[in-house]
Amino acid sequence: MADTSLSTLLPVEAIVTGIAAEDWRAAIRAAGELLVAGGAVTADYTEQMQAAVEEYGPYIVIAPGLALAHARPGEAVLRTGMSWAHLARPVPFGHPQNDPVELVIGLAAVDHDGHSGALSRLARMLGDTERLRALMRIREPSAVHEAITEYEGGE
């Protein structure tokens, strides 16, 4: 599973843009519902992602405007998968440097290692500030998926 592509883990059905979220809980819920809809997790996983932020703070806000919502592997994870929840309006998560968040990437992993290759590719892709800005300007889910697929093809 370590070499599964981002475009496989993040199907177009798990990508939504323009999501209305009133706060960080709703933003995480949106990313979680996409994981549920894609068959990667049960509804319990969304609650676990929210509980992790309640317990540990906004550590999931990994870059300006970007959160990587996740919880521990467990029974709520049916398969490794990702979601892309681009918010209509950024919301604060309480992170001192990286708030407010505009994009929530949901991550569900069946174990601690199986998603590491895809996560590395995601980090490289989103670590490029210009590429991230370009991705966040895209409003059509299929176009987001296509841009990610093209990125992987050129990597």
N, C-alpha and C. Protein backbone atom coordinates (compact mmCIF):
# COMPACT_ATOMS: atom_id res chain seq x y z
N MET A 1 0.82 -1.20 0.00
CA MET A 1 0.00 0.00 0.00
C MET A 1 0.86 1.25 0.00
N ALA A 2 2.13 1.15 0.37
CA ALA A 2 2.99 2.32 0.53
C ALA A 2 3.15 3.10 -0.77
N ASP A 3 3.03 2.45 -1.91
CA ASP A 3 3.21 3.18 -3.15
C ASP A 3 1.89 3.47 -3.87
N THR A 4 0.79 3.43 -3.15
CA THR A 4 -0.49 3.80 -3.74
C THR A 4 -0.46 5.29 -4.07
N SER A 5 -0.97 5.63 -5.23
CA SER A 5 -0.91 7.02 -5.68
C SER A 5 -1.91 7.90 -4.95
N LEU A 6 -1.59 9.20 -4.90
CA LEU A 6 -2.53 10.17 -4.33
C LEU A 6 -3.84 10.15 -5.09
N SER A 7 -3.75 10.04 -6.43
CA SER A 7 -4.97 10.08 -7.23
C SER A 7 -5.86 8.87 -6.98
N THR A 8 -5.29 7.77 -6.51
CA THR A 8 -6.08 6.59 -6.13
C THR A 8 -6.68 6.78 -4.74
N LEU A 9 -5.87 7.26 -3.80
CA LEU A 9 -6.34 7.47 -2.43
C LEU A 9 -7.33 8.63 -2.34
N LEU A 10 -7.25 9.56 -3.29
CA LEU A 10 -8.10 10.74 -3.30
C LEU A 10 -8.93 10.76 -4.59
N PRO A 11 -9.98 9.94 -4.64
CA PRO A 11 -10.80 9.91 -5.86
C PRO A 11 -11.57 11.22 -6.02
N VAL A 12 -11.99 11.50 -7.23
CA VAL A 12 -12.70 12.75 -7.50
C VAL A 12 -13.95 12.87 -6.63
N GLU A 13 -14.56 11.76 -6.25
CA GLU A 13 -15.76 11.79 -5.40
C GLU A 13 -15.45 12.28 -3.99
N ALA A 14 -14.18 12.26 -3.59
CA ALA A 14 -13.79 12.71 -2.26
C ALA A 14 -13.26 14.14 -2.27
N ILE A 15 -13.48 14.84 -3.38
CA ILE A 15 -13.02 16.22 -3.53
C ILE A 15 -14.24 17.12 -3.66
N VAL A 16 -14.34 18.11 -2.77
CA VAL A 16 -15.42 19.09 -2.85
C VAL A 16 -14.83 20.47 -2.60
N THR A 17 -15.29 21.44 -3.36
CA THR A 17 -14.86 22.82 -3.17
C THR A 17 -16.07 23.68 -2.82
N GLY A 18 -15.81 24.80 -2.18
CA GLY A 18 -16.88 25.72 -1.84
C GLY A 18 -17.77 25.27 -0.70
N ILE A 19 -17.22 24.48 0.22
CA ILE A 19 -17.99 23.96 1.35
C ILE A 19 -18.18 25.07 2.39
N ALA A 20 -19.41 25.25 2.83
CA ALA A 20 -19.69 26.21 3.90
C ALA A 20 -19.45 25.52 5.24
N ALA A 21 -18.57 26.10 6.05
CA ALA A 21 -18.29 25.57 7.39
C ALA A 21 -18.22 26.75 8.35
N GLU A 22 -18.98 26.67 9.43
CA GLU A 22 -19.03 27.80 10.36
C GLU A 22 -17.86 27.80 11.34
N ASP A 23 -17.23 26.64 11.55
CA ASP A 23 -16.10 26.57 12.47
C ASP A 23 -15.24 25.35 12.15
N TRP A 24 -14.19 25.14 12.95
CA TRP A 24 -13.26 24.04 12.65
C TRP A 24 -13.93 22.68 12.76
N ARG A 25 -14.88 22.55 13.66
CA ARG A 25 -15.58 21.26 13.80
C ARG A 25 -16.33 20.92 12.51
N ALA A 26 -17.02 21.92 11.95
CA ALA A 26 -17.76 21.71 10.70
C ALA A 26 -16.80 21.43 9.55
N ALA A 27 -15.63 22.07 9.56
CA ALA A 27 -14.64 21.84 8.50
C ALA A 27 -14.12 20.40 8.56
N ILE A 28 -13.84 19.92 9.76
CA ILE A 28 -13.39 18.53 9.92
C ILE A 28 -14.52 17.57 9.57
N ARG A 29 -15.73 17.92 9.96
CA ARG A 29 -16.89 17.07 9.64
C ARG A 29 -17.03 16.94 8.12
N ALA A 30 -16.84 18.03 7.39
CA ALA A 30 -16.93 17.98 5.93
C ALA A 30 -15.89 17.01 5.35
N ALA A 31 -14.65 17.10 5.83
CA ALA A 31 -13.60 16.19 5.35
C ALA A 31 -13.93 14.75 5.73
N GLY A 32 -14.47 14.56 6.93
CA GLY A 32 -14.84 13.22 7.39
C GLY A 32 -15.98 12.62 6.61
N GLU A 33 -16.98 13.44 6.29
CA GLU A 33 -18.13 12.94 5.51
C GLU A 33 -17.68 12.48 4.12
N LEU A 34 -16.69 13.17 3.56
CA LEU A 34 -16.16 12.75 2.26
C LEU A 34 -15.44 11.40 2.37
N LEU A 35 -14.73 11.20 3.48
CA LEU A 35 -14.07 9.90 3.70
C LEU A 35 -15.11 8.79 3.86
N VAL A 36 -16.19 9.10 4.58
CA VAL A 36 -17.28 8.13 4.77
C VAL A 36 -17.92 7.81 3.41
N ALA A 37 -18.23 8.84 2.65
CA ALA A 37 -18.89 8.65 1.36
C ALA A 37 -18.02 7.83 0.41
N GLY A 38 -16.71 7.96 0.53
CA GLY A 38 -15.80 7.20 -0.32
C GLY A 38 -15.54 5.79 0.17
N GLY A 39 -16.14 5.43 1.30
CA GLY A 39 -15.98 4.07 1.82
C GLY A 39 -14.69 3.82 2.57
N ALA A 40 -13.95 4.88 2.91
CA ALA A 40 -12.68 4.69 3.61
C ALA A 40 -12.86 4.51 5.12
N VAL A 41 -13.91 5.13 5.68
CA VAL A 41 -14.10 5.10 7.13
C VAL A 41 -15.58 5.00 7.49
N THR A 42 -15.84 4.73 8.76
CA THR A 42 -17.20 4.82 9.30
C THR A 42 -17.37 6.22 9.88
N ALA A 43 -18.59 6.57 10.22
CA ALA A 43 -18.88 7.90 10.78
C ALA A 43 -18.12 8.15 12.08
N ASP A 44 -17.78 7.10 12.81
CA ASP A 44 -17.03 7.26 14.06
C ASP A 44 -15.70 7.96 13.84
N TYR A 45 -15.11 7.78 12.66
CA TYR A 45 -13.79 8.36 12.39
C TYR A 45 -13.84 9.88 12.43
N THR A 46 -14.91 10.47 11.94
CA THR A 46 -15.05 11.93 11.96
C THR A 46 -15.01 12.43 13.40
N GLU A 47 -15.73 11.76 14.27
CA GLU A 47 -15.74 12.13 15.69
C GLU A 47 -14.34 11.98 16.29
N GLN A 48 -13.61 10.95 15.88
CA GLN A 48 -12.25 10.74 16.38
C GLN A 48 -11.31 11.86 15.92
N MET A 49 -11.49 12.33 14.68
CA MET A 49 -10.66 13.44 14.18
C MET A 49 -10.93 14.71 15.00
N GLN A 50 -12.20 14.98 15.28
CA GLN A 50 -12.56 16.15 16.08
C GLN A 50 -12.02 16.02 17.51
N ALA A 51 -12.14 14.84 18.08
CA ALA A 51 -11.67 14.60 19.44
C ALA A 51 -10.16 14.81 19.54
N ALA A 52 -9.42 14.44 18.49
CA ALA A 52 -7.96 14.62 18.51
C ALA A 52 -7.61 16.10 18.61
N VAL A 53 -8.33 16.96 17.90
CA VAL A 53 -8.06 18.40 17.98
C VAL A 53 -8.48 18.94 19.35
N GLU A 54 -9.60 18.45 19.87
CA GLU A 54 -10.02 18.89 21.20
C GLU A 54 -8.97 18.52 22.24
N GLU A 55 -8.37 17.34 22.10
CA GLU A 55 -7.40 16.86 23.09
C GLU A 55 -6.02 17.48 22.91
N TYR A 56 -5.55 17.59 21.66
CA TYR A 56 -4.17 17.99 21.41
C TYR A 56 -4.00 19.39 20.85
N GLY A 57 -5.11 20.07 20.56
CA GLY A 57 -5.03 21.40 19.98
C GLY A 57 -4.93 21.34 18.46
N PRO A 58 -4.69 22.49 17.82
CA PRO A 58 -4.74 22.58 16.36
C PRO A 58 -3.45 22.13 15.66
N TYR A 59 -2.84 21.06 16.15
CA TYR A 59 -1.60 20.54 15.56
C TYR A 59 -1.80 20.10 14.11
N ILE A 60 -3.04 19.85 13.71
CA ILE A 60 -3.30 19.39 12.35
C ILE A 60 -3.18 20.51 11.31
N VAL A 61 -3.09 21.76 11.78
CA VAL A 61 -2.92 22.90 10.87
C VAL A 61 -1.43 22.98 10.56
N ILE A 62 -1.04 22.35 9.45
CA ILE A 62 0.38 22.09 9.17
C ILE A 62 1.06 23.16 8.33
N ALA A 63 0.30 24.05 7.74
CA ALA A 63 0.85 25.12 6.91
C ALA A 63 -0.21 26.23 6.86
N PRO A 64 0.19 27.43 6.47
CA PRO A 64 -0.82 28.50 6.38
C PRO A 64 -2.01 28.08 5.51
N GLY A 65 -3.20 28.10 6.13
CA GLY A 65 -4.43 27.80 5.39
C GLY A 65 -4.71 26.34 5.16
N LEU A 66 -3.87 25.43 5.70
CA LEU A 66 -3.98 24.00 5.38
C LEU A 66 -4.00 23.14 6.64
N ALA A 67 -5.03 22.29 6.74
CA ALA A 67 -5.12 21.34 7.85
C ALA A 67 -5.15 19.92 7.30
N LEU A 68 -4.46 19.01 7.99
CA LEU A 68 -4.46 17.59 7.65
C LEU A 68 -5.21 16.87 8.77
N ALA A 69 -6.51 16.69 8.58
CA ALA A 69 -7.36 16.08 9.60
C ALA A 69 -7.19 14.57 9.58
N HIS A 70 -6.94 13.99 10.75
CA HIS A 70 -6.73 12.54 10.84
C HIS A 70 -6.94 12.09 12.28
N ALA A 71 -7.00 10.80 12.44
CA ALA A 71 -7.05 10.18 13.76
C ALA A 71 -6.22 8.90 13.66
N ARG A 72 -6.10 8.22 14.76
CA ARG A 72 -5.30 6.99 14.78
C ARG A 72 -5.96 5.89 13.94
N PRO A 73 -5.14 4.99 13.39
CA PRO A 73 -5.72 3.82 12.74
C PRO A 73 -6.56 3.04 13.77
N GLY A 74 -7.62 2.43 13.30
CA GLY A 74 -8.48 1.68 14.21
C GLY A 74 -9.64 1.07 13.47
N GLU A 75 -10.61 0.59 14.24
CA GLU A 75 -11.76 -0.10 13.65
C GLU A 75 -12.59 0.79 12.74
N ALA A 76 -12.55 2.11 12.95
CA ALA A 76 -13.35 3.03 12.13
C ALA A 76 -12.76 3.20 10.73
N VAL A 77 -11.51 2.76 10.54
CA VAL A 77 -10.86 2.89 9.22
C VAL A 77 -11.06 1.58 8.46
N LEU A 78 -11.75 1.68 7.34
CA LEU A 78 -12.03 0.50 6.51
C LEU A 78 -10.94 0.29 5.46
N ARG A 79 -10.37 1.39 4.97
CA ARG A 79 -9.26 1.32 4.03
C ARG A 79 -8.56 2.68 4.05
N THR A 80 -7.33 2.71 3.62
CA THR A 80 -6.61 3.98 3.56
C THR A 80 -7.23 4.86 2.49
N GLY A 81 -7.44 6.12 2.83
CA GLY A 81 -8.05 7.04 1.89
C GLY A 81 -7.83 8.49 2.30
N MET A 82 -8.17 9.39 1.38
CA MET A 82 -8.03 10.81 1.62
C MET A 82 -9.27 11.55 1.11
N SER A 83 -9.44 12.77 1.63
CA SER A 83 -10.49 13.65 1.13
C SER A 83 -9.94 15.07 1.03
N TRP A 84 -10.62 15.89 0.24
CA TRP A 84 -10.20 17.27 -0.04
C TRP A 84 -11.42 18.15 0.17
N ALA A 85 -11.43 18.90 1.27
CA ALA A 85 -12.55 19.78 1.60
C ALA A 85 -12.07 21.23 1.53
N HIS A 86 -12.35 21.86 0.41
CA HIS A 86 -11.96 23.26 0.22
C HIS A 86 -13.12 24.14 0.67
N LEU A 87 -12.87 24.98 1.66
CA LEU A 87 -13.94 25.76 2.28
C LEU A 87 -14.26 27.02 1.47
N ALA A 88 -15.52 27.40 1.51
CA ALA A 88 -15.95 28.64 0.83
C ALA A 88 -15.31 29.85 1.50
N ARG A 89 -15.24 29.81 2.84
CA ARG A 89 -14.58 30.86 3.62
C ARG A 89 -13.67 30.21 4.64
N PRO A 90 -12.44 30.72 4.77
CA PRO A 90 -11.52 30.15 5.76
C PRO A 90 -12.09 30.28 7.19
N VAL A 91 -11.76 29.31 8.03
CA VAL A 91 -12.20 29.33 9.43
C VAL A 91 -10.99 29.17 10.35
N PRO A 92 -11.04 29.79 11.53
CA PRO A 92 -9.94 29.63 12.48
C PRO A 92 -9.99 28.27 13.19
N PHE A 93 -8.83 27.68 13.36
CA PHE A 93 -8.69 26.44 14.12
C PHE A 93 -8.01 26.71 15.46
N GLY A 94 -7.50 27.94 15.63
CA GLY A 94 -6.80 28.27 16.87
C GLY A 94 -5.29 28.13 16.76
N HIS A 95 -4.77 28.01 15.54
CA HIS A 95 -3.32 27.89 15.36
C HIS A 95 -2.72 29.30 15.28
N PRO A 96 -1.68 29.57 16.08
CA PRO A 96 -1.15 30.94 16.14
C PRO A 96 -0.52 31.45 14.83
N GLN A 97 0.07 30.59 14.02
CA GLN A 97 0.71 31.04 12.79
C GLN A 97 -0.08 30.72 11.52
N ASN A 98 -0.77 29.60 11.48
CA ASN A 98 -1.31 29.10 10.22
C ASN A 98 -2.80 29.30 9.99
N ASP A 99 -3.48 29.94 10.95
CA ASP A 99 -4.91 30.25 10.76
C ASP A 99 -5.08 31.41 9.81
N PRO A 100 -6.24 31.55 9.20
CA PRO A 100 -7.35 30.60 9.18
C PRO A 100 -7.13 29.52 8.12
N VAL A 101 -7.89 28.44 8.23
CA VAL A 101 -7.76 27.29 7.34
C VAL A 101 -8.77 27.38 6.20
N GLU A 102 -8.27 27.16 5.00
CA GLU A 102 -9.12 27.18 3.81
C GLU A 102 -9.29 25.78 3.20
N LEU A 103 -8.29 24.92 3.42
CA LEU A 103 -8.32 23.57 2.85
C LEU A 103 -8.08 22.54 3.94
N VAL A 104 -9.02 21.59 4.06
CA VAL A 104 -8.87 20.49 5.01
C VAL A 104 -8.72 19.21 4.21
N ILE A 105 -7.57 18.58 4.36
CA ILE A 105 -7.33 17.28 3.74
C ILE A 105 -7.61 16.23 4.81
N GLY A 106 -8.53 15.34 4.54
CA GLY A 106 -8.81 14.25 5.47
C GLY A 106 -7.93 13.06 5.12
N LEU A 107 -7.37 12.43 6.14
CA LEU A 107 -6.52 11.25 5.95
C LEU A 107 -6.96 10.14 6.89
N ALA A 108 -7.19 8.98 6.33
CA ALA A 108 -7.50 7.78 7.11
C ALA A 108 -6.51 6.71 6.69
N ALA A 109 -5.89 6.07 7.67
CA ALA A 109 -4.91 5.04 7.37
C ALA A 109 -5.19 3.78 8.17
N VAL A 110 -5.05 2.63 7.52
CA VAL A 110 -5.32 1.36 8.20
C VAL A 110 -4.20 0.99 9.16
N ASP A 111 -3.01 1.56 8.96
CA ASP A 111 -1.89 1.31 9.87
C ASP A 111 -1.00 2.55 9.88
N HIS A 112 0.10 2.49 10.61
CA HIS A 112 0.96 3.68 10.73
C HIS A 112 1.90 3.87 9.55
N ASP A 113 2.09 2.86 8.71
CA ASP A 113 3.10 2.94 7.66
C ASP A 113 2.56 2.90 6.24
N GLY A 114 1.41 2.31 6.02
CA GLY A 114 0.92 2.04 4.68
C GLY A 114 0.65 3.26 3.83
N HIS A 115 0.50 4.41 4.46
CA HIS A 115 0.18 5.63 3.71
C HIS A 115 1.37 6.56 3.58
N SER A 116 2.54 6.14 4.05
CA SER A 116 3.68 7.06 4.13
C SER A 116 4.16 7.55 2.77
N GLY A 117 4.12 6.70 1.75
CA GLY A 117 4.54 7.14 0.42
C GLY A 117 3.61 8.21 -0.13
N ALA A 118 2.32 7.99 -0.01
CA ALA A 118 1.35 8.98 -0.50
C ALA A 118 1.44 10.26 0.32
N LEU A 119 1.65 10.13 1.62
CA LEU A 119 1.76 11.31 2.47
C LEU A 119 3.00 12.13 2.10
N SER A 120 4.08 11.45 1.76
CA SER A 120 5.29 12.15 1.32
C SER A 120 5.04 12.91 0.03
N ARG A 121 4.35 12.27 -0.91
CA ARG A 121 4.02 12.94 -2.17
C ARG A 121 3.11 14.14 -1.93
N LEU A 122 2.13 13.97 -1.04
CA LEU A 122 1.23 15.06 -0.70
C LEU A 122 2.01 16.23 -0.10
N ALA A 123 2.93 15.93 0.81
CA ALA A 123 3.72 16.98 1.45
C ALA A 123 4.57 17.72 0.43
N ARG A 124 5.18 16.99 -0.50
CA ARG A 124 5.99 17.66 -1.54
C ARG A 124 5.11 18.53 -2.43
N MET A 125 3.95 18.00 -2.81
CA MET A 125 3.06 18.74 -3.69
C MET A 125 2.55 20.01 -3.01
N LEU A 126 2.08 19.90 -1.78
CA LEU A 126 1.50 21.04 -1.09
C LEU A 126 2.56 21.94 -0.48
N GLY A 127 3.78 21.43 -0.35
CA GLY A 127 4.88 22.23 0.17
C GLY A 127 5.34 23.28 -0.83
N ASP A 128 4.99 23.12 -2.07
CA ASP A 128 5.27 24.10 -3.12
C ASP A 128 4.17 25.16 -3.04
N THR A 129 4.50 26.32 -2.50
CA THR A 129 3.50 27.36 -2.23
C THR A 129 2.73 27.76 -3.48
N GLU A 130 3.42 27.89 -4.60
CA GLU A 130 2.74 28.28 -5.84
C GLU A 130 1.76 27.20 -6.29
N ARG A 131 2.18 25.94 -6.20
CA ARG A 131 1.30 24.83 -6.59
C ARG A 131 0.08 24.78 -5.68
N LEU A 132 0.30 24.97 -4.38
CA LEU A 132 -0.82 24.95 -3.43
C LEU A 132 -1.80 26.07 -3.77
N ARG A 133 -1.29 27.26 -4.01
CA ARG A 133 -2.18 28.38 -4.38
C ARG A 133 -2.97 28.05 -5.65
N ALA A 134 -2.28 27.48 -6.62
CA ALA A 134 -2.95 27.13 -7.88
C ALA A 134 -4.05 26.09 -7.63
N LEU A 135 -3.75 25.07 -6.83
CA LEU A 135 -4.75 24.04 -6.52
C LEU A 135 -5.95 24.64 -5.80
N MET A 136 -5.69 25.59 -4.92
CA MET A 136 -6.79 26.18 -4.15
C MET A 136 -7.63 27.15 -4.97
N ARG A 137 -7.15 27.55 -6.13
CA ARG A 137 -7.95 28.39 -7.03
C ARG A 137 -8.91 27.55 -7.88
N ILE A 138 -8.64 26.25 -7.98
CA ILE A 138 -9.46 25.37 -8.81
C ILE A 138 -10.79 25.11 -8.09
N ARG A 139 -11.88 25.27 -8.81
CA ARG A 139 -13.21 25.10 -8.21
C ARG A 139 -13.91 23.82 -8.64
N GLU A 140 -13.41 23.16 -9.65
CA GLU A 140 -14.05 21.95 -10.17
C GLU A 140 -13.32 20.71 -9.62
N PRO A 141 -14.01 19.84 -8.87
CA PRO A 141 -13.36 18.66 -8.30
C PRO A 141 -12.57 17.83 -9.31
N SER A 142 -13.12 17.63 -10.49
CA SER A 142 -12.41 16.83 -11.49
C SER A 142 -11.11 17.51 -11.92
N ALA A 143 -11.09 18.83 -11.93
CA ALA A 143 -9.88 19.56 -12.30
C ALA A 143 -8.83 19.48 -11.18
N VAL A 144 -9.26 19.46 -9.92
CA VAL A 144 -8.33 19.26 -8.80
C VAL A 144 -7.68 17.89 -8.95
N HIS A 145 -8.52 16.87 -9.19
CA HIS A 145 -8.02 15.50 -9.33
C HIS A 145 -7.04 15.40 -10.49
N GLU A 146 -7.38 16.04 -11.60
CA GLU A 146 -6.52 16.01 -12.78
C GLU A 146 -5.17 16.67 -12.49
N ALA A 147 -5.18 17.79 -11.77
CA ALA A 147 -3.93 18.48 -11.43
C ALA A 147 -3.06 17.61 -10.53
N ILE A 148 -3.67 16.89 -9.60
CA ILE A 148 -2.92 15.99 -8.71
C ILE A 148 -2.34 14.84 -9.52
N THR A 149 -3.12 14.28 -10.42
CA THR A 149 -2.67 13.18 -11.28
C THR A 149 -1.50 13.64 -12.15
N GLU A 150 -1.62 14.82 -12.72
CA GLU A 150 -0.52 15.36 -13.55
C GLU A 150 0.74 15.57 -12.73
N TYR A 151 0.58 16.08 -11.50
CA TYR A 151 1.73 16.28 -10.62
C TYR A 151 2.44 14.95 -10.38
N GLU A 152 1.67 13.91 -10.06
CA GLU A 152 2.27 12.60 -9.79
C GLU A 152 2.97 12.03 -11.03
N GLY A 153 2.39 12.28 -12.20
CA GLY A 153 2.98 11.79 -13.43
C GLY A 153 4.33 12.42 -13.72
N GLY A 154 4.52 13.66 -13.26
CA GLY A 154 5.77 14.36 -13.52
C GLY A 154 6.78 14.25 -12.40
N GLU A 155 6.39 13.59 -11.31
CA GLU A 155 7.27 13.50 -10.15
C GLU A 155 8.42 12.53 -10.38
